[in-house]
PDB file of N, CA and C in Angstrom:
ATOM      1  N   MET A   1       0.788  -1.280  -0.093  1.00  0.00           N
ATOM      2  CA  MET A   1      -0.016  -0.067   0.016  1.00  0.00           C
ATOM      3  C   MET A   1       0.812   1.286  -0.015  1.00  0.00           C
ATOM      4  N   ALA A   2       1.927   1.124   0.739  1.00  0.00           N
ATOM      5  CA  ALA A   2       2.765   2.236   0.746  1.00  0.00           C
ATOM      6  C   ALA A   2       3.491   2.677  -0.672  1.00  0.00           C
ATOM      7  N   LYS A   3       3.942   1.578  -1.075  1.00  0.00           N
ATOM      8  CA  LYS A   3       4.482   1.534  -2.597  1.00  0.00           C
ATOM      9  C   LYS A   3       3.487   2.462  -3.407  1.00  0.00           C
ATOM     10  N   ARG A   4       2.170   2.070  -3.404  1.00  0.00           N
ATOM     11  CA  ARG A   4       1.444   2.485  -4.323  1.00  0.00           C
ATOM     12  C   ARG A   4       1.094   4.043  -3.862  1.00  0.00           C
ATOM     13  N   PHE A   5       0.971   4.372  -3.018  1.00  0.00           N
ATOM     14  CA  PHE A   5       0.844   5.856  -2.460  1.00  0.00           C
ATOM     15  C   PHE A   5       2.161   6.680  -2.804  1.00  0.00           C
ATOM     16  N   ALA A   6       3.218   6.137  -2.633  1.00  0.00           N
ATOM     17  CA  ALA A   6       4.558   6.782  -3.074  1.00  0.00           C
ATOM     18  C   ALA A   6       4.499   7.046  -4.610  1.00  0.00           C
ATOM     19  N   ARG A   7       4.099   6.015  -5.274  1.00  0.00           N
ATOM     20  CA  ARG A   7       4.101   6.085  -6.815  1.00  0.00           C
ATOM     21  C   ARG A   7       3.001   7.185  -7.182  1.00  0.00           C
ATOM     22  N   ARG A   8       2.030   7.210  -6.470  1.00  0.00           N
ATOM     23  CA  ARG A   8       0.974   8.269  -6.831  1.00  0.00           C
ATOM     24  C   ARG A   8       1.388   9.537  -6.551  1.00  0.00           C
ATOM     25  N   LYS A   9       2.025   9.725  -5.475  1.00  0.00           N
ATOM     26  CA  LYS A   9       2.502  11.039  -5.065  1.00  0.00           C
ATOM     27  C   LYS A   9       3.475  11.626  -5.869  1.00  0.00           C
ATOM     28  N   GLU A  10       4.396  10.699  -6.371  1.00  0.00           N
ATOM     29  CA  GLU A  10       5.413  11.093  -7.397  1.00  0.00           C
ATOM     30  C   GLU A  10       4.911  11.580  -8.538  1.00  0.00           C
ATOM     31  N   ARG A  11       3.690  10.674  -8.985  1.00  0.00           N
ATOM     32  CA  ARG A  11       3.014  10.927 -10.268  1.00  0.00           C
ATOM     33  C   ARG A  11       2.133  12.551 -10.233  1.00  0.00           C
ATOM     34  N   THR A  12       1.638  12.545  -9.162  1.00  0.00           N
ATOM     35  CA  THR A  12       0.932  14.112  -9.134  1.00  0.00           C
ATOM     36  C   THR A  12       1.802  15.135  -8.914  1.00  0.00           C
ATOM     37  N   GLN A  13       3.160  14.697  -8.212  1.00  0.00           N
ATOM     38  CA  GLN A  13       4.119  15.899  -8.269  1.00  0.00           C
ATOM     39  C   GLN A  13       4.894  16.195  -9.697  1.00  0.00           C
ATOM     40  N   ASP A  14       5.019  15.167 -10.425  1.00  0.00           N
ATOM     41  CA  ASP A  14       5.230  15.243 -11.835  1.00  0.00           C
ATOM     42  C   ASP A  14       4.428  15.992 -12.597  1.00  0.00           C
ATOM     43  N   ILE A  15       3.113  15.633 -12.495  1.00  0.00           N
ATOM     44  CA  ILE A  15       2.087  16.246 -13.350  1.00  0.00           C
ATOM     45  C   ILE A  15       1.941  17.988 -12.930  1.00  0.00           C
ATOM     46  N   ALA A  16       2.214  18.189 -11.579  1.00  0.00           N
ATOM     47  CA  ALA A  16       1.968  19.521 -10.745  1.00  0.00           C
ATOM     48  C   ALA A  16       3.271  20.253 -11.436  1.00  0.00           C
ATOM     49  N   SER A  17       4.636  19.581 -11.473  1.00  0.00           N
ATOM     50  CA  SER A  17       5.773  20.575 -11.940  1.00  0.00           C
ATOM     51  C   SER A  17       5.482  20.809 -13.588  1.00  0.00           C
ATOM     52  N   GLU A  18       5.047  19.932 -14.205  1.00  0.00           N
ATOM     53  CA  GLU A  18       4.637  20.009 -15.714  1.00  0.00           C
ATOM     54  C   GLU A  18       3.680  21.337 -15.798  1.00  0.00           C
ATOM     55  N   ARG A  19       2.534  21.305 -15.035  1.00  0.00           N
ATOM     56  CA  ARG A  19       1.445  22.369 -15.135  1.00  0.00           C
ATOM     57  C   ARG A  19       2.279  23.546 -14.592  1.00  0.00           C
ATOM     58  N   ILE A  20       3.013  23.648 -13.777  1.00  0.00           N
ATOM     59  CA  ILE A  20       3.766  25.054 -13.441  1.00  0.00           C
ATOM     60  C   ILE A  20       4.478  25.557 -14.512  1.00  0.00           C
ATOM     61  N   VAL A  21       5.416  24.676 -15.106  1.00  0.00           N
ATOM     62  CA  VAL A  21       6.204  25.107 -16.440  1.00  0.00           C
ATOM     63  C   VAL A  21       5.393  25.425 -17.546  1.00  0.00           C
ATOM     64  N   THR A  22       4.263  24.926 -17.611  1.00  0.00           N
ATOM     65  CA  THR A  22       3.389  25.246 -18.696  1.00  0.00           C
ATOM     66  C   THR A  22       2.617  26.745 -18.275  1.00  0.00           C
ATOM     67  N   LEU A  23       2.113  26.667 -17.155  1.00  0.00           N
ATOM     68  CA  LEU A  23       1.615  28.099 -16.833  1.00  0.00           C
ATOM     69  C   LEU A  23       2.509  29.250 -16.752  1.00  0.00           C
ATOM     70  N   LEU A  24       3.696  29.108 -16.408  1.00  0.00           N
ATOM     71  CA  LEU A  24       4.730  30.128 -16.661  1.00  0.00           C
ATOM     72  C   LEU A  24       5.169  30.215 -18.055  1.00  0.00           C
ATOM     73  N   SER A  25       5.370  29.551 -18.801  1.00  0.00           N
ATOM     74  CA  SER A  25       5.373  29.795 -20.283  1.00  0.00           C
ATOM     75  C   SER A  25       4.324  30.262 -20.984  1.00  0.00           C
ATOM     76  N   VAL A  26       3.102  30.011 -20.526  1.00  0.00           N
ATOM     77  CA  VAL A  26       1.955  30.711 -21.072  1.00  0.00           C
ATOM     78  C   VAL A  26       1.913  32.149 -20.785  1.00  0.00           C
ATOM     79  N   ALA A  27       2.349  32.469 -19.528  1.00  0.00           N
ATOM     80  CA  ALA A  27       2.355  33.828 -18.930  1.00  0.00           C
ATOM     81  C   ALA A  27       3.548  34.641 -19.631  1.00  0.00           C
ATOM     82  N   GLU A  28       4.574  33.862 -19.919  1.00  0.00           N
ATOM     83  CA  GLU A  28       5.619  34.577 -20.863  1.00  0.00           C
ATOM     84  C   GLU A  28       5.093  35.157 -22.207  1.00  0.00           C
ATOM     85  N   ALA A  29       4.385  34.154 -22.611  1.00  0.00           N
ATOM     86  CA  ALA A  29       3.639  34.582 -24.252  1.00  0.00           C
ATOM     87  C   ALA A  29       2.479  35.743 -23.989  1.00  0.00           C
ATOM     88  N   GLU A  30       2.005  35.725 -23.002  1.00  0.00           N
ATOM     89  CA  GLU A  30       0.940  36.519 -22.737  1.00  0.00           C
ATOM     90  C   GLU A  30       0.992  38.071 -22.900  1.00  0.00           C
ATOM     91  N   LYS A  31       0.343  38.885 -23.402  1.00  0.00           N
ATOM     92  CA  LYS A  31       0.535  40.422 -23.771  1.00  0.00           C
ATOM     93  C   LYS A  31      -0.100  41.012 -22.580  1.00  0.00           C
ATOM     94  N   ASP A  32      -1.282  40.570 -22.089  1.00  0.00           N
ATOM     95  CA  ASP A  32      -1.954  41.193 -21.137  1.00  0.00           C
ATOM     96  C   ASP A  32      -1.212  41.101 -19.495  1.00  0.00           C
ATOM     97  N   MET A  33      -0.993  42.090 -18.984  1.00  0.00           N
ATOM     98  CA  MET A  33      -0.391  41.969 -17.797  1.00  0.00           C
ATOM     99  C   MET A  33      -1.256  41.296 -16.494  1.00  0.00           C
ATOM    100  N   GLN A  34      -2.380  41.511 -16.480  1.00  0.00           N
ATOM    101  CA  GLN A  34      -3.260  40.974 -15.513  1.00  0.00           C
ATOM    102  C   GLN A  34      -3.270  39.470 -15.868  1.00  0.00           C
ATOM    103  N   LEU A  35      -3.642  39.005 -16.986  1.00  0.00           N
ATOM    104  CA  LEU A  35      -3.360  37.614 -17.302  1.00  0.00           C
ATOM    105  C   LEU A  35      -2.122  36.843 -16.790  1.00  0.00           C
ATOM    106  N   ARG A  36      -1.047  37.477 -17.108  1.00  0.00           N
ATOM    107  CA  ARG A  36       0.276  37.094 -16.645  1.00  0.00           C
ATOM    108  C   ARG A  36       0.395  36.690 -15.301  1.00  0.00           C
ATOM    109  N   ASP A  37      -0.109  37.932 -14.520  1.00  0.00           N
ATOM    110  CA  ASP A  37      -0.178  37.808 -12.919  1.00  0.00           C
ATOM    111  C   ASP A  37      -0.849  36.908 -12.470  1.00  0.00           C
ATOM    112  N   ARG A  38      -2.208  36.321 -13.265  1.00  0.00           N
ATOM    113  CA  ARG A  38      -3.301  35.456 -12.761  1.00  0.00           C
ATOM    114  C   ARG A  38      -2.458  34.119 -12.935  1.00  0.00           C
ATOM    115  N   TYR A  39      -1.797  34.060 -14.426  1.00  0.00           N
ATOM    116  CA  TYR A  39      -1.079  32.621 -14.491  1.00  0.00           C
ATOM    117  C   TYR A  39      -0.007  32.493 -13.403  1.00  0.00           C
ATOM    118  N   VAL A  40       0.740  33.379 -13.166  1.00  0.00           N
ATOM    119  CA  VAL A  40       1.764  33.252 -11.794  1.00  0.00           C
ATOM    120  C   VAL A  40       1.028  32.697 -10.581  1.00  0.00           C
ATOM    121  N   SER A  41      -0.035  33.457 -10.438  1.00  0.00           N
ATOM    122  CA  SER A  41      -0.684  33.123  -9.125  1.00  0.00           C
ATOM    123  C   SER A  41      -1.263  31.553  -9.225  1.00  0.00           C
ATOM    124  N   LEU A  42      -1.804  31.113 -10.319  1.00  0.00           N
ATOM    125  CA  LEU A  42      -2.002  29.968 -10.412  1.00  0.00           C
ATOM    126  C   LEU A  42      -0.876  28.820 -10.248  1.00  0.00           C
ATOM    127  N   ALA A  43       0.153  29.143 -11.024  1.00  0.00           N
ATOM    128  CA  ALA A  43       1.450  28.476 -10.715  1.00  0.00           C
ATOM    129  C   ALA A  43       1.844  28.263  -9.362  1.00  0.00           C
ATOM    130  N   LEU A  44       1.811  29.267  -8.471  1.00  0.00           N
ATOM    131  CA  LEU A  44       2.237  29.316  -7.225  1.00  0.00           C
ATOM    132  C   LEU A  44       1.110  28.481  -6.353  1.00  0.00           C
ATOM    133  N   GLN A  45      -0.041  28.543  -6.612  1.00  0.00           N
ATOM    134  CA  GLN A  45      -1.073  27.753  -5.788  1.00  0.00           C
ATOM    135  C   GLN A  45      -0.754  26.363  -6.119  1.00  0.00           C
ATOM    136  N   VAL A  46      -0.369  25.839  -7.561  1.00  0.00           N
ATOM    137  CA  VAL A  46      -0.240  24.453  -7.750  1.00  0.00           C
ATOM    138  C   VAL A  46       1.185  23.998  -6.864  1.00  0.00           C
ATOM    139  N   LYS A  47       1.978  25.048  -6.922  1.00  0.00           N
ATOM    140  CA  LYS A  47       3.262  24.439  -6.232  1.00  0.00           C
ATOM    141  C   LYS A  47       3.167  24.303  -4.767  1.00  0.00           C
ATOM    142  N   GLN A  48       2.309  25.350  -4.212  1.00  0.00           N
ATOM    143  CA  GLN A  48       1.912  25.198  -2.597  1.00  0.00           C
ATOM    144  C   GLN A  48       1.347  23.856  -2.331  1.00  0.00           C
ATOM    145  N   LYS A  49       0.213  23.696  -3.293  1.00  0.00           N
ATOM    146  CA  LYS A  49      -0.539  22.665  -2.970  1.00  0.00           C
ATOM    147  C   LYS A  49       0.090  21.110  -3.009  1.00  0.00           C
ATOM    148  N   TYR A  50       1.049  21.054  -4.026  1.00  0.00           N
ATOM    149  CA  TYR A  50       1.551  19.742  -4.171  1.00  0.00           C
ATOM    150  C   TYR A  50       3.015  19.676  -3.776  1.00  0.00           C
ATOM    151  N   LYS A  51       3.550  20.659  -3.089  1.00  0.00           N
ATOM    152  CA  LYS A  51       5.005  20.787  -2.484  1.00  0.00           C
ATOM    153  C   LYS A  51       5.906  20.523  -3.498  1.00  0.00           C
ATOM    154  N   VAL A  52       5.748  21.285  -4.613  1.00  0.00           N
ATOM    155  CA  VAL A  52       6.901  21.218  -5.706  1.00  0.00           C
ATOM    156  C   VAL A  52       7.681  22.373  -5.961  1.00  0.00           C
ATOM    157  N   ARG A  53       9.030  22.134  -6.104  1.00  0.00           N
ATOM    158  CA  ARG A  53       9.909  23.172  -6.307  1.00  0.00           C
ATOM    159  C   ARG A  53       9.754  23.710  -7.764  1.00  0.00           C
ATOM    160  N   VAL A  54       9.805  25.117  -7.819  1.00  0.00           N
ATOM    161  CA  VAL A  54       9.708  25.656  -9.165  1.00  0.00           C
ATOM    162  C   VAL A  54      11.251  25.702  -9.681  1.00  0.00           C
ATOM    163  N   PRO A  55      11.431  25.418 -10.969  1.00  0.00           N
ATOM    164  CA  PRO A  55      12.886  25.495 -11.545  1.00  0.00           C
ATOM    165  C   PRO A  55      13.467  26.862 -11.462  1.00  0.00           C
ATOM    166  N   THR A  56      14.913  26.880 -11.480  1.00  0.00           N
ATOM    167  CA  THR A  56      15.451  28.010 -10.814  1.00  0.00           C
ATOM    168  C   THR A  56      15.276  29.214 -12.006  1.00  0.00           C
ATOM    169  N   ALA A  57      15.407  28.617 -13.299  1.00  0.00           N
ATOM    170  CA  ALA A  57      15.156  29.513 -14.595  1.00  0.00           C
ATOM    171  C   ALA A  57      13.680  30.354 -14.263  1.00  0.00           C
ATOM    172  N   LEU A  58      12.901  29.561 -13.992  1.00  0.00           N
ATOM    173  CA  LEU A  58      11.573  29.839 -14.015  1.00  0.00           C
ATOM    174  C   LEU A  58      11.270  30.866 -12.531  1.00  0.00           C
ATOM    175  N   ARG A  59      11.946  30.496 -11.405  1.00  0.00           N
ATOM    176  CA  ARG A  59      11.629  31.194 -10.272  1.00  0.00           C
ATOM    177  C   ARG A  59      12.218  32.810 -10.453  1.00  0.00           C
ATOM    178  N   GLU A  60      13.036  33.008 -11.084  1.00  0.00           N
ATOM    179  CA  GLU A  60      13.482  34.324 -11.507  1.00  0.00           C
ATOM    180  C   GLU A  60      12.551  35.138 -12.105  1.00  0.00           C
ATOM    181  N   ARG A  61      11.568  34.623 -12.778  1.00  0.00           N
ATOM    182  CA  ARG A  61      10.720  35.506 -13.862  1.00  0.00           C
ATOM    183  C   ARG A  61       9.571  35.996 -12.898  1.00  0.00           C
ATOM    184  N   TYR A  62       9.158  35.628 -11.557  1.00  0.00           N
ATOM    185  CA  TYR A  62       8.303  36.284 -10.911  1.00  0.00           C
ATOM    186  C   TYR A  62       8.663  36.851  -9.680  1.00  0.00           C
ATOM    187  N   CYS A  63       7.973  37.916  -9.040  1.00  0.00           N
ATOM    188  CA  CYS A  63       8.369  38.562  -7.934  1.00  0.00           C
ATOM    189  C   CYS A  63       7.667  37.766  -6.639  1.00  0.00           C
ATOM    190  N   LYS A  64       8.517  37.386  -5.592  1.00  0.00           N
ATOM    191  CA  LYS A  64       8.072  36.451  -4.652  1.00  0.00           C
ATOM    192  C   LYS A  64       7.224  37.295  -3.700  1.00  0.00           C
ATOM    193  N   GLN A  65       7.091  38.403  -3.718  1.00  0.00           N
ATOM    194  CA  GLN A  65       6.478  39.164  -2.625  1.00  0.00           C
ATOM    195  C   GLN A  65       4.981  39.543  -3.179  1.00  0.00           C
ATOM    196  N   CYS A  66       4.968  40.257  -4.411  1.00  0.00           N
ATOM    197  CA  CYS A  66       3.749  40.725  -4.969  1.00  0.00           C
ATOM    198  C   CYS A  66       3.068  39.800  -6.055  1.00  0.00           C
ATOM    199  N   ARG A  67       3.920  38.797  -6.428  1.00  0.00           N
ATOM    200  CA  ARG A  67       3.443  37.574  -7.311  1.00  0.00           C
ATOM    201  C   ARG A  67       3.115  38.209  -8.655  1.00  0.00           C
ATOM    202  N   THR A  68       3.913  39.234  -9.116  1.00  0.00           N
ATOM    203  CA  THR A  68       3.828  39.891 -10.372  1.00  0.00           C
ATOM    204  C   THR A  68       4.669  39.123 -11.476  1.00  0.00           C
ATOM    205  N   TYR A  69       4.419  38.881 -12.751  1.00  0.00           N
ATOM    206  CA  TYR A  69       5.349  38.360 -13.694  1.00  0.00           C
ATOM    207  C   TYR A  69       6.254  39.683 -14.124  1.00  0.00           C
ATOM    208  N   LEU A  70       7.666  39.248 -14.157  1.00  0.00           N
ATOM    209  CA  LEU A  70       8.494  40.529 -14.387  1.00  0.00           C
ATOM    210  C   LEU A  70       8.866  40.503 -15.602  1.00  0.00           C
ATOM    211  N   VAL A  71       8.690  41.766 -16.265  1.00  0.00           N
ATOM    212  CA  VAL A  71       9.195  41.958 -17.476  1.00  0.00           C
ATOM    213  C   VAL A  71      10.167  43.094 -17.605  1.00  0.00           C
ATOM    214  N   PRO A  72      11.415  42.700 -17.911  1.00  0.00           N
ATOM    215  CA  PRO A  72      12.416  43.844 -17.614  1.00  0.00           C
ATOM    216  C   PRO A  72      12.152  45.221 -18.476  1.00  0.00           C
ATOM    217  N   GLY A  73      12.198  46.238 -18.044  1.00  0.00           N
ATOM    218  CA  GLY A  73      11.934  47.308 -18.712  1.00  0.00           C
ATOM    219  C   GLY A  73      10.659  47.985 -18.610  1.00  0.00           C
ATOM    220  N   VAL A  74       9.772  47.056 -18.197  1.00  0.00           N
ATOM    221  CA  VAL A  74       8.174  47.319 -17.908  1.00  0.00           C
ATOM    222  C   VAL A  74       7.803  47.468 -16.543  1.00  0.00           C
ATOM    223  N   ASN A  75       8.054  46.307 -15.651  1.00  0.00           N
ATOM    224  CA  ASN A  75       7.766  46.372 -14.511  1.00  0.00           C
ATOM    225  C   ASN A  75       8.809  45.865 -13.556  1.00  0.00           C
ATOM    226  N   CYS A  76       9.958  45.902 -13.989  1.00  0.00           N
ATOM    227  CA  CYS A  76      11.137  45.489 -13.316  1.00  0.00           C
ATOM    228  C   CYS A  76      12.368  46.135 -13.780  1.00  0.00           C
ATOM    229  N   ARG A  77      13.382  46.452 -12.971  1.00  0.00           N
ATOM    230  CA  ARG A  77      14.546  47.022 -13.305  1.00  0.00           C
ATOM    231  C   ARG A  77      15.499  45.821 -12.999  1.00  0.00           C
ATOM    232  N   VAL A  78      16.583  45.685 -14.090  1.00  0.00           N
ATOM    233  CA  VAL A  78      17.841  44.895 -14.113  1.00  0.00           C
ATOM    234  C   VAL A  78      19.103  45.604 -14.001  1.00  0.00           C
ATOM    235  N   ARG A  79      19.983  45.424 -12.984  1.00  0.00           N
ATOM    236  CA  ARG A  79      21.290  46.245 -12.871  1.00  0.00           C
ATOM    237  C   ARG A  79      22.267  45.192 -12.746  1.00  0.00           C
ATOM    238  N   LEU A  80      23.297  45.339 -13.388  1.00  0.00           N
ATOM    239  CA  LEU A  80      24.619  44.476 -12.978  1.00  0.00           C
ATOM    240  C   LEU A  80      25.639  45.154 -12.395  1.00  0.00           C
ATOM    241  N   LYS A  81      26.012  44.852 -11.202  1.00  0.00           N
ATOM    242  CA  LYS A  81      26.914  45.522 -10.465  1.00  0.00           C
ATOM    243  C   LYS A  81      27.651  44.591  -9.332  1.00  0.00           C
ATOM    244  N   GLN A  82      29.012  44.743  -9.305  1.00  0.00           N
ATOM    245  CA  GLN A  82      29.802  43.881  -8.220  1.00  0.00           C
ATOM    246  C   GLN A  82      29.576  42.390  -8.206  1.00  0.00           C
ATOM    247  N   GLY A  83      29.480  42.016  -9.437  1.00  0.00           N
ATOM    248  CA  GLY A  83      29.434  40.466  -9.705  1.00  0.00           C
ATOM    249  C   GLY A  83      28.178  39.883  -9.275  1.00  0.00           C
ATOM    250  N   LYS A  84      27.108  40.867  -9.003  1.00  0.00           N
ATOM    251  CA  LYS A  84      25.541  40.421  -9.054  1.00  0.00           C
ATOM    252  C   LYS A  84      24.695  41.185  -9.947  1.00  0.00           C
ATOM    253  N   ARG A  85      23.580  40.356 -10.167  1.00  0.00           N
ATOM    254  CA  ARG A  85      22.715  40.919 -11.017  1.00  0.00           C
ATOM    255  C   ARG A  85      21.357  41.230 -10.089  1.00  0.00           C
ATOM    256  N   THR A  86      21.024  42.605 -10.051  1.00  0.00           N
ATOM    257  CA  THR A  86      20.132  42.938  -9.097  1.00  0.00           C
ATOM    258  C   THR A  86      18.766  43.306  -9.869  1.00  0.00           C
ATOM    259  N   ILE A  87      17.633  42.597  -9.573  1.00  0.00           N
ATOM    260  CA  ILE A  87      16.343  42.681 -10.156  1.00  0.00           C
ATOM    261  C   ILE A  87      15.539  43.508  -9.096  1.00  0.00           C
ATOM    262  N   ALA A  88      14.973  44.472  -9.630  1.00  0.00           N
ATOM    263  CA  ALA A  88      14.092  45.205  -8.826  1.00  0.00           C
ATOM    264  C   ALA A  88      12.824  45.306  -9.393  1.00  0.00           C
ATOM    265  N   CYS A  89      11.509  44.914  -8.549  1.00  0.00           N
ATOM    266  CA  CYS A  89      10.320  44.885  -8.972  1.00  0.00           C
ATOM    267  C   CYS A  89       9.639  46.231  -8.773  1.00  0.00           C
ATOM    268  N   LEU A  90       9.147  47.040  -9.703  1.00  0.00           N
ATOM    269  CA  LEU A  90       8.955  48.260  -9.758  1.00  0.00           C
ATOM    270  C   LEU A  90       7.280  48.272  -9.151  1.00  0.00           C
ATOM    271  N   THR A  91       6.899  47.354  -8.723  1.00  0.00           N
ATOM    272  CA  THR A  91       5.359  47.180  -8.370  1.00  0.00           C
ATOM    273  C   THR A  91       5.545  47.259  -6.839  1.00  0.00           C
ATOM    274  N   CYS A  92       6.139  46.436  -6.211  1.00  0.00           N
ATOM    275  CA  CYS A  92       6.339  46.392  -4.474  1.00  0.00           C
ATOM    276  C   CYS A  92       7.674  47.039  -4.114  1.00  0.00           C
ATOM    277  N   ARG A  93       8.591  47.370  -5.022  1.00  0.00           N
ATOM    278  CA  ARG A  93       9.958  47.579  -4.590  1.00  0.00           C
ATOM    279  C   ARG A  93      10.691  46.640  -4.097  1.00  0.00           C
ATOM    280  N   ARG A  94      10.641  45.427  -4.201  1.00  0.00           N
ATOM    281  CA  ARG A  94      11.449  44.586  -3.722  1.00  0.00           C
ATOM    282  C   ARG A  94      12.663  44.261  -4.469  1.00  0.00           C
ATOM    283  N   PHE A  95      13.880  43.989  -3.839  1.00  0.00           N
ATOM    284  CA  PHE A  95      14.860  43.881  -4.600  1.00  0.00           C
ATOM    285  C   PHE A  95      15.455  42.249  -4.540  1.00  0.00           C
ATOM    286  N   ARG A  96      16.050  41.779  -5.532  1.00  0.00           N
ATOM    287  CA  ARG A  96      16.454  40.401  -5.471  1.00  0.00           C
ATOM    288  C   ARG A  96      17.989  40.340  -6.038  1.00  0.00           C
ATOM    289  N   ARG A  97      18.916  39.924  -5.353  1.00  0.00           N
ATOM    290  CA  ARG A  97      20.369  39.902  -5.893  1.00  0.00           C
ATOM    291  C   ARG A  97      20.769  38.352  -6.075  1.00  0.00           C
ATOM    292  N   VAL A  98      21.351  38.185  -7.465  1.00  0.00           N
ATOM    293  CA  VAL A  98      21.580  37.014  -8.125  1.00  0.00           C
ATOM    294  C   VAL A  98      23.018  37.087  -8.536  1.00  0.00           C
ATOM    295  N   PRO A  99      23.895  36.027  -7.871  1.00  0.00           N
ATOM    296  CA  PRO A  99      25.357  36.253  -8.479  1.00  0.00           C
ATOM    297  C   PRO A  99      25.313  35.798 -10.184  1.00  0.00           C
ATOM    298  N   TYR A 100      26.384  36.496 -10.637  1.00  0.00           N
ATOM    299  CA  TYR A 100      26.475  36.355 -12.265  1.00  0.00           C
ATOM    300  C   TYR A 100      26.650  34.792 -12.468  1.00  0.00           C
ATOM    301  N   SER A 101      27.521  34.116 -11.960  1.00  0.00           N
ATOM    302  CA  SER A 101      27.875  32.756 -12.348  1.00  0.00           C
ATOM    303  C   SER A 101      27.729  31.841 -10.837  1.00  0.00           C
ATOM    304  N   LYS A 102      27.226  30.690 -10.924  1.00  0.00           N
ATOM    305  CA  LYS A 102      27.036  29.944  -9.978  1.00  0.00           C
ATOM    306  C   LYS A 102      28.149  28.685 -10.007  1.00  0.00           C
ATOM    307  N   ARG A 103      28.834  28.761  -8.891  1.00  0.00           N
ATOM    308  CA  ARG A 103      29.923  27.867  -8.219  1.00  0.00           C
ATOM    309  C   ARG A 103      29.347  26.533  -8.033  1.00  0.00           C
ATOM    310  N   PRO A 104      29.964  25.353  -8.225  1.00  0.00           N
ATOM    311  CA  PRO A 104      29.489  24.145  -7.623  1.00  0.00           C
ATOM    312  C   PRO A 104      29.251  24.284  -6.029  1.00  0.00           C
ATOM    313  N   ALA A 105      28.231  23.565  -5.513  1.00  0.00           N
ATOM    314  CA  ALA A 105      28.116  23.590  -4.059  1.00  0.00           C
ATOM    315  C   ALA A 105      29.306  23.171  -3.134  1.00  0.00           C
ATOM    316  N   LYS A 106      29.843  22.102  -3.796  1.00  0.00           N
ATOM    317  CA  LYS A 106      31.203  21.539  -3.087  1.00  0.00           C
ATOM    318  C   LYS A 106      32.144  22.702  -2.860  1.00  0.00           C
ATOM    319  N   VAL A 107      32.438  23.494  -3.990  1.00  0.00           N
ATOM    320  CA  VAL A 107      33.563  24.331  -3.832  1.00  0.00           C
ATOM    321  C   VAL A 107      33.029  25.443  -2.696  1.00  0.00           C
ATOM    322  N   LEU A 108      31.803  25.833  -2.731  1.00  0.00           N
ATOM    323  CA  LEU A 108      31.329  26.902  -1.842  1.00  0.00           C
ATOM    324  C   LEU A 108      31.666  26.352  -0.296  1.00  0.00           C
ATOM    325  N   LYS A 109      31.000  24.896  -0.173  1.00  0.00           N
ATOM    326  CA  LYS A 109      31.325  24.344   1.166  1.00  0.00           C
ATOM    327  C   LYS A 109      32.758  24.308   1.660  1.00  0.00           C
ATOM    328  N   ALA A 110      33.642  24.020   0.943  1.00  0.00           N
ATOM    329  CA  ALA A 110      35.130  23.678   1.053  1.00  0.00           C
ATOM    330  C   ALA A 110      35.617  25.126   1.566  1.00  0.00           C
ATOM    331  N   ARG A 111      35.122  26.168   0.978  1.00  0.00           N
ATOM    332  CA  ARG A 111      35.787  27.334   1.349  1.00  0.00           C
ATOM    333  C   ARG A 111      35.180  28.043   2.513  1.00  0.00           C
ATOM    334  N   ARG A 112      33.939  27.462   3.116  1.00  0.00           N
ATOM    335  CA  ARG A 112      33.404  28.017   4.201  1.00  0.00           C
ATOM    336  C   ARG A 112      34.038  27.271   5.249  1.00  0.00           C
ATOM    337  N   VAL A 113      34.500  26.174   4.956  1.00  0.00           N
ATOM    338  CA  VAL A 113      35.041  25.061   6.232  1.00  0.00           C
ATOM    339  C   VAL A 113      36.542  25.900   6.693  1.00  0.00           C
ATOM    340  N   ARG A 114      37.066  26.319   5.878  1.00  0.00           N
ATOM    341  CA  ARG A 114      38.571  26.878   5.909  1.00  0.00           C
ATOM    342  C   ARG A 114      38.392  28.054   6.737  1.00  0.00           C
TER     343      ARG A 114
END
């Protein structure tokens, strides 16, 4: 019984992650900003319900605070400074800083230990 439940849970999580990717790609293609925001909120509801992680590339496309789809030059500002990319949401004034290049996690852990 437990195996069947685990398989069913994996399957629902796979379907949920596919749905999240689909909703965010539809939001990218949409011209209307309200519909874009609606698709983002639906994707985040699916994420929350099924406890699925959003892929990193898609995670940077929406504001985590106000849940709006970010379009550079329209409702967000992107600045490159000191090895970091700063994404500012112009709707809620939230900043997010992302490093230019990601190093492997093992290298970062090794440097912290020393």
